[in-house]
Amino acid sequence: MAQRADQAGSRESAPSVASAPSATVSRRSIRPPSWQAGLRQIGLGLAIFAVYLAVTHLVPKDRVVADAHGRDLLRLEERFGIAWEHGLNDFLAGHPLLGLLASWEYATTYVVVTFGVLLWVWRRRPDVYPWARNTLAGSTLAAIVCFAVWPTSPPRLLPGESFTDVVALHHPPGSWGTDVVSAGADQFAAMPSLHVGWAAWVLAVIARLHVSRLALALGSLHFAITTVDVLATGTHYVADAMAGALLILAAVGAEAVRAAWLGPSAPPRRPLHRAPAVARWYPVAAEDAFFLHIESAVAPQLVGGLAILAGRPDVDAMRAAVAAKLPVLPRLRQVVRSGGLRRRPRWLDVDHVDLSWHIPEIHLPAGGGWEALRRIVSEILAEPLDRSRPLWRLLLVPDVAPGRSALIVLFHHAVGDGLGVLSIVRELLEPVAPFAADDAASGPGRVETPARRRYRLPGPFSRAALTAVGLAQLATDGVGTKLPGFEALSGRRELVGFSLPLDAVRKAARENGCRVTDLVVAAVGDAVACALAAVGIPGQGRRTRAAVPITLRPPAEPGVWDGMPGNRTAALMVDVPLDPIPVGERLRAISADAERRRRSGRPLASAAVVRSIGLLPARWHEWLARLIYRPPHFGLIVTNIPGPDIPLAFVGVPVVAVYPLVSLAEDVPLAVGALGWNGRLCVAATLDSAWAVDTALLLNRLREAFSALGVDTDADGGTLW
């Protein structure tokens, strides 16, 4: 099957296109930064400055104590032979022109460069901005606290130490050395040196951006000049400079721990007409690298869908449409490169994307129809994507039935979760705008009816507390059991599916007082119990655990591509009884258990665990990921992905339905996905062929379970394929 798809791609024209990562982006595909967002960032800066002023003017400082601290630092440096301040200060005092330049540098450069870099990151790299803001704010606040609890006189103010106050002698007008500007400055804020700290922060940001080596060299030069300047002007000690640099390292480490514990901060909106600045490479986030590590030959980690099209699109038009979107969709033009045994893998831009391989045209044998399509998709799901290429494919299967074609959409799970991949696909389907303004109310958020409740993230302090509680809850929850009738993955797949009227599913969820997701889990549990009983495996007293993804993405406009791919989900582990009980009773048990777990800290804790193990070396990360993403932690996967209710088209051909394709985990033989699309709930189940159950029976029992739960199905019982 893979050879047929590859050969089909190699025969096509238009073999490749330049990925063009710096091309201009559509005006409507990138949202401008709101003035409210800008004001919030300015307000944060003013708040930190207010704290500095409060410490300066409200916290009493003893000059004798500050001088003693300064002398202690000098004695410590002399003991270790690093008291270089005197020599540098004497040299600068004897060269008035250099002294004037050093005063200018001391007074202006650290402010201009620091906030200039911060503004550039805000405008051009919104994915890095939260990290840059948090590390700068955290290190600055930590320094202010140090100023309050350990005031230190700078060398230039130490009596009897023969330092020349170079800034006071040569200061330019308007510099921090003047009486007017320095009136509000803290004279005893030598330890640590914020000048050196901020210069180290600039260097850290440049390293984080992974841009040119020239930028890294300039950042290093700025750091070196600033360090020498503060020593030569007598404004700081060598120990201060070292403390300032170490403070930034501590802030970077603290931000890594904070992000692992609470999740990454939401980026600001990108400015109009600007694509993200181009980096040489991007580290793969811990949550995304997780799925690279757990992938094996028999358990490919794929996310996608089988789209049914009302017509036959032109494959060249498809390639042209995707090529036009490469500048805005970075994962479509990036490959994964190993970071070695210690570092995470990296996303690396490629010069060309071979669209004839990524978007091939596959022809079914004569008279094959839906059954031939099902077999082809099952074979494709059993094969990992080629990691030497960008991790996605769109495989066109024309003329499956009269007036119907199929598009097999495949992405590696490292590219994104269900919602992340859906937002990429939506950008391809809607070249103007994923949702019209008057259709926003019918977006993905409505799928989780009847209550239309989504998992809402609490504030940072509540999130930290809930995560701590959730870790304790997870530790005491115990584990589930592996699905019976199964030993190990065979590497062969079976795919079955059908669709239901979405309004009928929502109505049934309302009448049962539960969420649509709970309804799907209960129907799957009932089908599994019946299928096992049919092959002589009794379910009495048995239960398994379903892994149900919950999105942790911040609220956003429905369907709008925010430039943030990746996995932002938590795993909700729901106990599924397999006893021979009525499906309504099964639903009540599942809904109660799921709601209890949703309201606990377990989802946040599970996400924190996935992020935290990403701080470990790559080899350890891989070992732990493979340990936790398998039984007995869960026995099956069930996901409900909110999708759009409005009609969509790809290159002018309507997309009438999309069946989600969900990958299996190691020793997990069943994964079921549900996706709301164009007024239908499309349900698809992926099974491993080694599982003992009858696939057709499982499918029929799943459909019957929905009917028993009150879903008023179509006259034909839904479309089977």
Foldseek 3Di string as FASTA:
>chain_A
DLVQLQVLLVPDPPFWDFLCQFDWDDQPQFDAFDVVVVVVLVVLVVVLVVLLLCLQPVQDDDPVQQLVLQVVLCVVCVVVVNFCLVVLQVVLVVPLVSLLVLLCCQFPVLVCLLVVLLVCCLAFPLVCNLVLSQLLSVLSSVLSVCCRPRFHAFQCPRPPPPGPQSCCVNPDPPGCNDCVNVVSPRRRSQAADLSLLSLLSCLVSVVQQQADVVSNVVSVVSNVSSLSSCSNNRNYTPVNNVRSNVSSVVSSVVVLLLCLQQNGDRGTGHRGRGFHDDHQKHFQALQLLLLVLQDDLLFFAKWWWKFKFQAADDLVLLLVLVSSCSNLQVLQQWFWDCPPQFGGIITGGDRMARQSSQEGEREFPPPCAPVSVQQVVQLVLLGYADRVHRFWHWYKYPCSDVRIIIITTIGGCSQADHQLVLLVVLCQQDVNFSDDPVQLVQFLLVLFDDVSDALDDDDSVVLNVLLVQQVVVVVPVDFAAAQPQFDWFPSTKGKKWWKFQSVLLRVLCVVLVFTSLLLLLLLLLQLSLVQCVVVPRHQVPHKFKEWEWGAPDDDDRGSRDRSDHGYGTFTQIFIQRSHPDQSSVRSVRRRVRRVVSSPGSNRSNRSSVSNVLNVGGPNSNSVVSNVCFEPRRGHEYEYEGGGGQDWTGRSPITGQDIEIDGIAGTSHFKYKYWYDYNRMTMIMMMGRPSRPGDPVSSRVSSLVSSVSSRRPGDPVSGDID
